[in-house]
Amino acid sequence: MKLSIIVPCYNVEDHIIRCLNSLVNQNLNPSDFEIIVIDDGSSDTSISLVKEFISKHKNIILYTQENRGLGAVRNRGIKLAKGEYIYFIDSDDYLAYNTMNIILESAINNDVEILGFQTILTDDLSLFKSETVNEFNETSVSTGVEYMLKSKLHRSEAWWYILKREFLIDTGHTFEEGKFMEDIVFTFRILTDAKRFLFLPIDAHRYVKNPDSIMNNESQKHLTKLIEGYISMIFRLHALAEEFKSKKQNDIQKVIHKIKYTSNLNTFFMFFKIIRSNISIKNINIILNKLKKIGAYPYNRRQVTEEYSHIKIKVIAFIFNNKFVFYTLLYPLRVLYKMKLIKLP
């Protein structure tokens, strides 16, 4: 079997069939790939919808478990997978038709450990045609580090690449379980270890702008949990950077610099969630003092603004990085946001 596609499923009754339908329309022989759906304790109609769909497709398998989170689901998928390559896709996203066959063929022909491809951020739920499927030439194979260093704004999520299963097993890399944005550390690790990496500029993946997603939930309880997740992510990136200092590898200092850049971005974007929340200045100060102890705040403002160079971003980055200025403006910003006079990412 050539490919295993892992699909986590948790209360996605509005999305799961669109996702699965896109996966079976890939011009691949059904005997060459399997789709592993792992339901993570859904309480809606997701399971019944999947069961109805898979009755017509013998290469789709459904597993169920109690809710354990996305990292645990993906790790179980790795153990269950039989394909030469593994692909992880979120169930509220989908693929353009007849793109995975090209991606898989390129990965096999070039014997790569990881093959990456493009994504399109969209709220269009029927963008099934790729605009680049016949308009690109394969780029040369590089190491994962070489790609990472020349492509500063590559995605950290797990759905923009396929992985050779043997490579994943040999390196022993797994997803963090019970953690926020569990694929960021995973992606850094696999790219750092990959000796053969290829990127195809084919717009295969569709990242659906879902108002009900983890990042868009506006409840105060969820915002508090999200802020805690950002803090955890920043500390985990700091630990990863410290761990990588002992690696005997070319350009590892540049990789560490990139990890710190990612940490800076997480600190920066955390402030937007703080504005949306009702967390007090006293508790914000506690958070920032914790981050200060590991050198994560004040963050490196130059790193943030060198890629996001718009004057508005530069002003915002300055405000966030000077906590007393931020405290002065916090409540006016919250009022403006609640009155819908300003928008926050």
Protein backbone atom coordinates (compact mmCIF):
# COMPACT_ATOMS: atom_id res chain seq x y z
CA MET A 1 0.00 0.00 0.00
CA LYS A 2 1.34 3.40 -1.00
CA LEU A 3 -0.51 5.90 1.22
CA SER A 4 -2.35 6.14 4.52
CA ILE A 5 -4.48 9.25 5.14
CA ILE A 6 -5.25 9.95 8.81
CA VAL A 7 -8.49 11.88 9.44
CA PRO A 8 -9.27 12.93 13.05
CA CYS A 9 -13.00 13.29 13.64
CA TYR A 10 -14.56 15.21 16.50
CA ASN A 11 -18.01 16.82 16.20
CA VAL A 12 -17.55 17.76 12.54
CA GLU A 13 -20.90 16.72 11.10
CA ASP A 14 -20.92 19.80 8.84
CA HIS A 15 -17.52 19.05 7.32
CA ILE A 16 -16.51 15.39 7.46
CA ILE A 17 -18.25 14.19 4.27
CA ARG A 18 -16.80 17.04 2.20
CA CYS A 19 -13.35 16.08 3.47
CA LEU A 20 -13.80 12.35 2.76
CA ASN A 21 -15.33 13.02 -0.64
CA SER A 22 -12.27 15.06 -1.61
CA LEU A 23 -9.97 12.22 -0.49
CA VAL A 24 -11.63 9.55 -2.64
CA ASN A 25 -11.46 11.82 -5.71
CA GLN A 26 -7.69 11.72 -6.12
CA ASN A 27 -7.21 9.54 -9.19
CA LEU A 28 -5.63 6.85 -7.01
CA ASN A 29 -6.43 3.17 -7.17
CA PRO A 30 -8.41 2.35 -4.00
CA SER A 31 -6.11 -0.60 -3.37
CA ASP A 32 -3.13 1.79 -3.23
CA PHE A 33 -4.35 3.92 -0.32
CA GLU A 34 -6.33 3.75 2.87
CA ILE A 35 -8.27 6.43 4.72
CA ILE A 36 -8.19 5.97 8.50
CA VAL A 37 -10.93 7.93 10.27
CA ILE A 38 -10.48 8.10 14.04
CA ASP A 39 -13.48 9.42 15.92
CA ASP A 40 -12.34 11.09 19.13
CA GLY A 41 -15.55 10.82 21.13
CA SER A 42 -17.94 12.81 18.94
CA SER A 43 -21.38 13.58 20.40
CA ASP A 44 -23.00 14.73 17.14
CA THR A 45 -23.91 12.74 14.02
CA SER A 46 -20.35 12.51 12.70
CA ILE A 47 -20.01 8.74 13.24
CA SER A 48 -23.29 7.86 11.54
CA LEU A 49 -22.39 10.05 8.56
CA VAL A 50 -18.98 8.40 8.25
CA LYS A 51 -20.47 4.90 8.51
CA GLU A 52 -22.90 5.68 5.71
CA PHE A 53 -20.12 7.07 3.53
CA ILE A 54 -17.67 4.21 4.08
CA SER A 55 -20.30 1.62 3.17
CA LYS A 56 -19.51 2.62 -0.44
CA HIS A 57 -15.72 2.71 -0.02
CA LYS A 58 -13.84 -0.39 1.12
CA ASN A 59 -10.56 1.47 1.68
CA ILE A 60 -11.98 3.68 4.46
CA ILE A 61 -11.73 2.37 8.03
CA LEU A 62 -13.41 3.91 11.07
CA TYR A 63 -11.98 3.65 14.59
CA THR A 64 -13.57 5.14 17.69
CA GLN A 65 -12.15 6.12 21.06
CA GLU A 66 -12.89 8.29 24.07
CA ASN A 67 -11.88 11.92 23.67
CA ARG A 68 -8.10 12.24 23.96
CA GLY A 69 -7.28 15.16 21.67
CA LEU A 70 -5.75 15.66 18.25
CA GLY A 71 -2.19 14.64 19.15
CA ALA A 72 -3.32 11.29 20.53
CA VAL A 73 -5.51 10.66 17.47
CA ARG A 74 -2.64 11.30 15.07
CA ASN A 75 -0.27 9.10 17.09
CA ARG A 76 -2.78 6.27 16.96
CA GLY A 77 -3.08 6.82 13.23
CA ILE A 78 0.69 6.41 12.83
CA LYS A 79 0.50 3.02 14.58
CA LEU A 80 -2.43 1.90 12.43
CA ALA A 81 -1.04 3.11 9.10
CA LYS A 82 0.14 0.57 6.53
CA GLY A 83 1.08 2.90 3.67
CA GLU A 84 4.56 3.77 2.47
CA TYR A 85 3.61 7.43 3.08
CA ILE A 86 1.35 9.04 5.67
CA TYR A 87 -0.76 12.17 5.33
CA PHE A 88 -2.60 14.01 8.12
CA ILE A 89 -5.59 16.19 7.21
CA ASP A 90 -8.03 17.99 9.51
CA SER A 91 -11.63 16.97 8.93
CA ASP A 92 -12.92 20.50 8.35
CA ASP A 93 -10.41 20.96 5.49
CA TYR A 94 -10.31 19.25 2.11
CA LEU A 95 -8.13 18.58 -0.95
CA ALA A 96 -8.44 19.71 -4.54
CA TYR A 97 -9.40 16.76 -6.71
CA ASN A 98 -6.66 14.76 -8.46
CA THR A 99 -3.70 16.34 -6.69
CA MET A 100 -2.64 13.68 -4.19
CA ASN A 101 -1.85 11.25 -7.00
CA ILE A 102 0.71 13.75 -8.36
CA ILE A 103 2.12 14.40 -4.89
CA LEU A 104 2.43 10.70 -4.08
CA GLU A 105 4.03 9.84 -7.44
CA SER A 106 6.59 12.64 -6.98
CA ALA A 107 7.42 11.45 -3.45
CA ILE A 108 7.95 7.87 -4.57
CA ASN A 109 9.91 8.74 -7.72
CA ASN A 110 12.25 11.07 -5.79
CA ASP A 111 12.45 8.77 -2.75
CA VAL A 112 11.90 11.66 -0.34
CA GLU A 113 11.17 11.47 3.36
CA ILE A 114 8.90 14.52 3.27
CA LEU A 115 7.08 16.18 0.39
CA GLY A 116 5.38 19.54 0.96
CA PHE A 117 2.78 21.39 -1.11
CA GLN A 118 0.73 24.57 -1.14
CA THR A 119 -2.48 25.38 0.70
CA ILE A 120 -5.22 27.92 0.01
CA LEU A 121 -6.98 29.68 2.88
CA THR A 122 -10.64 29.93 1.87
CA ASP A 123 -14.26 30.02 3.00
CA ASP A 124 -15.28 28.47 -0.33
CA LEU A 125 -16.42 24.91 0.33
CA SER A 126 -16.31 23.81 -3.30
CA LEU A 127 -12.84 24.82 -4.47
CA PHE A 128 -12.08 21.38 -5.82
CA LYS A 129 -10.08 22.38 -8.89
CA SER A 130 -6.34 23.01 -8.62
CA GLU A 131 -5.12 25.99 -10.62
CA THR A 132 -1.50 24.82 -10.62
CA VAL A 133 -1.80 21.10 -11.26
CA ASN A 134 -0.31 21.39 -14.77
CA GLU A 135 1.71 24.54 -14.28
CA PHE A 136 4.78 23.64 -12.27
CA ASN A 137 8.10 21.88 -12.53
CA GLU A 138 9.48 19.80 -9.70
CA THR A 139 12.06 21.65 -7.65
CA SER A 140 15.25 19.93 -6.54
CA VAL A 141 15.49 17.69 -3.50
CA SER A 142 17.07 19.35 -0.45
CA THR A 143 17.37 18.63 3.24
CA GLY A 144 14.55 19.70 5.51
CA VAL A 145 16.83 22.26 7.15
CA GLU A 146 17.76 23.80 3.81
CA TYR A 147 14.09 24.19 2.92
CA MET A 148 13.19 25.54 6.36
CA LEU A 149 15.87 28.21 6.23
CA LYS A 150 14.99 29.48 2.77
CA SER A 151 11.24 29.44 3.41
CA LYS A 152 10.80 31.48 6.57
CA LEU A 153 7.01 31.57 6.51
CA HIS A 154 6.36 27.89 5.87
CA ARG A 155 3.36 26.51 7.75
CA SER A 156 3.90 24.62 10.99
CA GLU A 157 0.76 22.50 10.74
CA ALA A 158 0.86 18.85 9.67
CA TRP A 159 -1.47 19.05 6.67
CA TRP A 160 0.91 20.61 4.11
CA TYR A 161 3.18 17.58 3.69
CA ILE A 162 3.24 13.81 3.39
CA LEU A 163 5.79 11.73 5.29
CA LYS A 164 7.51 8.45 4.59
CA ARG A 165 6.28 6.07 7.29
CA GLU A 166 9.68 4.37 7.59
CA PHE A 167 11.32 7.75 8.24
CA LEU A 168 8.76 8.54 10.94
CA ILE A 169 9.25 5.19 12.65
CA ASP A 170 13.05 5.33 12.44
CA THR A 171 13.23 8.84 13.95
CA GLY A 172 10.61 8.01 16.59
CA HIS A 173 8.89 11.38 16.23
CA THR A 174 5.32 11.62 17.52
CA PHE A 175 2.88 14.42 18.22
CA GLU A 176 2.66 16.01 21.65
CA GLU A 177 -0.53 14.83 23.34
CA GLY A 178 -2.88 17.13 25.21
CA LYS A 179 -1.02 20.21 23.96
CA PHE A 180 -2.08 23.33 22.07
CA MET A 181 -0.73 23.48 18.48
CA GLU A 182 0.86 20.07 18.90
CA ASP A 183 2.18 19.98 15.34
CA ILE A 184 4.58 22.96 15.63
CA VAL A 185 7.26 21.07 17.58
CA PHE A 186 6.59 17.96 15.47
CA THR A 187 7.18 19.88 12.22
CA PHE A 188 10.43 21.39 13.50
CA ARG A 189 11.70 17.96 14.50
CA ILE A 190 10.90 16.16 11.25
CA LEU A 191 12.25 18.96 9.04
CA THR A 192 15.46 19.09 11.06
CA ASP A 193 15.98 15.34 10.62
CA ALA A 194 14.88 15.02 6.97
CA LYS A 195 17.75 14.32 4.57
CA ARG A 196 15.52 14.27 1.48
CA PHE A 197 12.80 16.92 1.23
CA LEU A 198 10.88 18.11 -1.84
CA PHE A 199 8.37 20.94 -2.18
CA LEU A 200 5.84 20.97 -5.03
CA PRO A 201 4.17 24.34 -5.74
CA ILE A 202 0.81 22.66 -6.30
CA ASP A 203 -2.27 24.12 -4.57
CA ALA A 204 -3.58 20.84 -3.20
CA HIS A 205 -4.86 21.66 0.29
CA ARG A 206 -7.83 23.80 1.27
CA TYR A 207 -7.65 25.37 4.73
CA VAL A 208 -11.26 26.26 5.52
CA LYS A 209 -11.88 29.42 7.55
CA ASN A 210 -14.15 27.87 10.15
CA PRO A 211 -15.80 30.36 12.59
CA ASP A 212 -16.27 27.50 15.07
CA SER A 213 -12.60 26.48 15.07
CA ILE A 214 -10.36 26.43 18.15
CA MET A 215 -8.73 29.73 17.20
CA ASN A 216 -12.04 31.57 16.61
CA ASN A 217 -14.03 30.58 19.70
CA GLU A 218 -14.93 33.78 21.60
CA SER A 219 -16.09 32.40 24.97
CA GLN A 220 -14.11 33.72 27.95
CA LYS A 221 -13.45 30.20 29.20
CA HIS A 222 -12.04 29.23 25.84
CA LEU A 223 -9.98 32.42 25.48
CA THR A 224 -8.38 31.75 28.86
CA LYS A 225 -7.56 28.21 27.75
CA LEU A 226 -6.17 29.56 24.47
CA ILE A 227 -3.89 32.04 26.26
CA GLU A 228 -2.65 29.22 28.48
CA GLY A 229 -2.00 27.26 25.27
CA TYR A 230 0.11 30.08 23.85
CA ILE A 231 2.15 30.23 27.06
CA SER A 232 2.69 26.46 26.94
CA MET A 233 3.70 26.68 23.26
CA ILE A 234 6.27 29.41 23.99
CA PHE A 235 7.81 27.38 26.82
CA ARG A 236 7.90 24.23 24.64
CA LEU A 237 9.64 26.13 21.85
CA HIS A 238 12.16 27.43 24.39
CA ALA A 239 12.80 23.86 25.56
CA LEU A 240 13.20 22.70 21.95
CA ALA A 241 15.73 25.45 21.24
CA GLU A 242 17.71 24.46 24.35
CA GLU A 243 17.63 20.80 23.30
CA PHE A 244 18.83 21.61 19.77
CA LYS A 245 21.90 23.42 21.14
CA SER A 246 23.49 20.02 21.73
CA LYS A 247 22.90 18.81 18.16
CA LYS A 248 26.01 18.33 16.03
CA GLN A 249 24.49 19.42 12.76
CA ASN A 250 25.17 22.00 10.07
CA ASP A 251 23.14 25.20 10.38
CA ILE A 252 21.62 24.13 13.71
CA GLN A 253 22.12 27.65 15.10
CA LYS A 254 20.04 28.97 12.22
CA VAL A 255 17.34 26.43 13.05
CA ILE A 256 17.40 27.59 16.68
CA HIS A 257 17.06 31.17 15.42
CA LYS A 258 13.98 30.09 13.46
CA ILE A 259 12.51 28.38 16.53
CA LYS A 260 12.94 31.61 18.47
CA TYR A 261 11.34 33.52 15.59
CA THR A 262 8.31 31.21 15.86
CA SER A 263 8.25 31.79 19.61
CA ASN A 264 8.27 35.56 19.04
CA LEU A 265 5.31 35.27 16.69
CA ASN A 266 3.38 33.21 19.24
CA THR A 267 4.04 35.84 21.92
CA PHE A 268 2.93 38.59 19.53
CA PHE A 269 -0.32 36.86 18.52
CA MET A 270 -1.09 35.92 22.13
CA PHE A 271 -1.68 39.62 22.85
CA PHE A 272 -4.65 39.71 20.47
CA LYS A 273 -6.29 36.93 22.51
CA ILE A 274 -5.51 38.86 25.70
CA ILE A 275 -7.37 41.89 24.32
CA ARG A 276 -10.39 39.71 23.52
CA SER A 277 -10.36 38.22 27.01
CA ASN A 278 -11.31 39.66 30.40
CA ILE A 279 -8.02 38.68 32.04
CA SER A 280 -6.86 41.33 34.50
CA ILE A 281 -3.69 43.41 34.18
CA LYS A 282 -2.43 41.78 37.37
CA ASN A 283 -2.65 38.33 35.80
CA ILE A 284 -1.24 39.58 32.49
CA ASN A 285 1.76 40.88 34.42
CA ILE A 286 2.26 37.44 35.99
CA ILE A 287 2.24 35.88 32.51
CA LEU A 288 4.74 38.37 31.09
CA ASN A 289 7.07 37.93 34.06
CA LYS A 290 7.06 34.17 33.44
CA LEU A 291 7.94 34.72 29.80
CA LYS A 292 10.64 37.20 30.77
CA LYS A 293 12.43 34.48 32.76
CA ILE A 294 13.04 32.44 29.58
CA GLY A 295 13.79 35.47 27.41
CA ALA A 296 10.48 35.31 25.53
CA TYR A 297 9.33 38.80 26.59
CA PRO A 298 10.01 41.46 25.57
CA TYR A 299 10.15 39.60 22.27
CA ASN A 300 12.48 40.34 19.37
CA ARG A 301 10.37 43.01 17.65
CA ARG A 302 12.66 43.13 14.63
CA GLN A 303 12.03 39.46 13.90
CA VAL A 304 8.27 39.99 13.98
CA THR A 305 8.27 43.07 11.76
CA GLU A 306 10.84 41.98 9.21
CA GLU A 307 8.27 39.69 7.60
CA TYR A 308 5.13 41.58 8.64
CA SER A 309 6.46 44.97 7.61
CA HIS A 310 3.24 46.99 7.31
CA ILE A 311 3.38 50.18 9.39
CA LYS A 312 0.29 49.10 11.35
CA ILE A 313 2.01 45.87 12.40
CA LYS A 314 5.11 47.80 13.42
CA VAL A 315 3.02 50.08 15.66
CA ILE A 316 1.12 47.14 17.18
CA ALA A 317 4.37 45.22 17.76
CA PHE A 318 5.80 48.23 19.58
CA ILE A 319 2.71 48.57 21.81
CA PHE A 320 2.63 44.88 22.73
CA ASN A 321 6.35 44.87 23.48
CA ASN A 322 6.11 47.74 25.98
CA LYS A 323 3.86 46.43 28.69
CA PHE A 324 3.09 49.74 30.39
CA VAL A 325 2.02 51.25 27.07
CA PHE A 326 -0.06 48.13 26.48
CA TYR A 327 -1.66 48.32 29.95
CA THR A 328 -2.61 51.96 29.30
CA LEU A 329 -4.30 51.07 26.02
CA LEU A 330 -5.77 47.70 27.02
CA TYR A 331 -9.22 48.75 28.23
CA PRO A 332 -9.81 51.27 25.40
CA LEU A 333 -8.86 48.51 22.93
CA ARG A 334 -11.28 46.10 24.60
CA VAL A 335 -14.10 48.64 24.36
CA LEU A 336 -13.37 49.33 20.69
CA TYR A 337 -13.30 45.60 19.97
CA LYS A 338 -16.61 44.94 21.73
CA MET A 339 -18.16 47.84 19.83
CA LYS A 340 -16.83 46.23 16.61
CA LEU A 341 -14.89 49.36 15.75
CA ILE A 342 -11.66 47.40 15.38
CA LYS A 343 -10.93 43.91 14.08
CA LEU A 344 -8.44 41.51 15.63
CA PRO A 345 -6.78 38.50 13.97
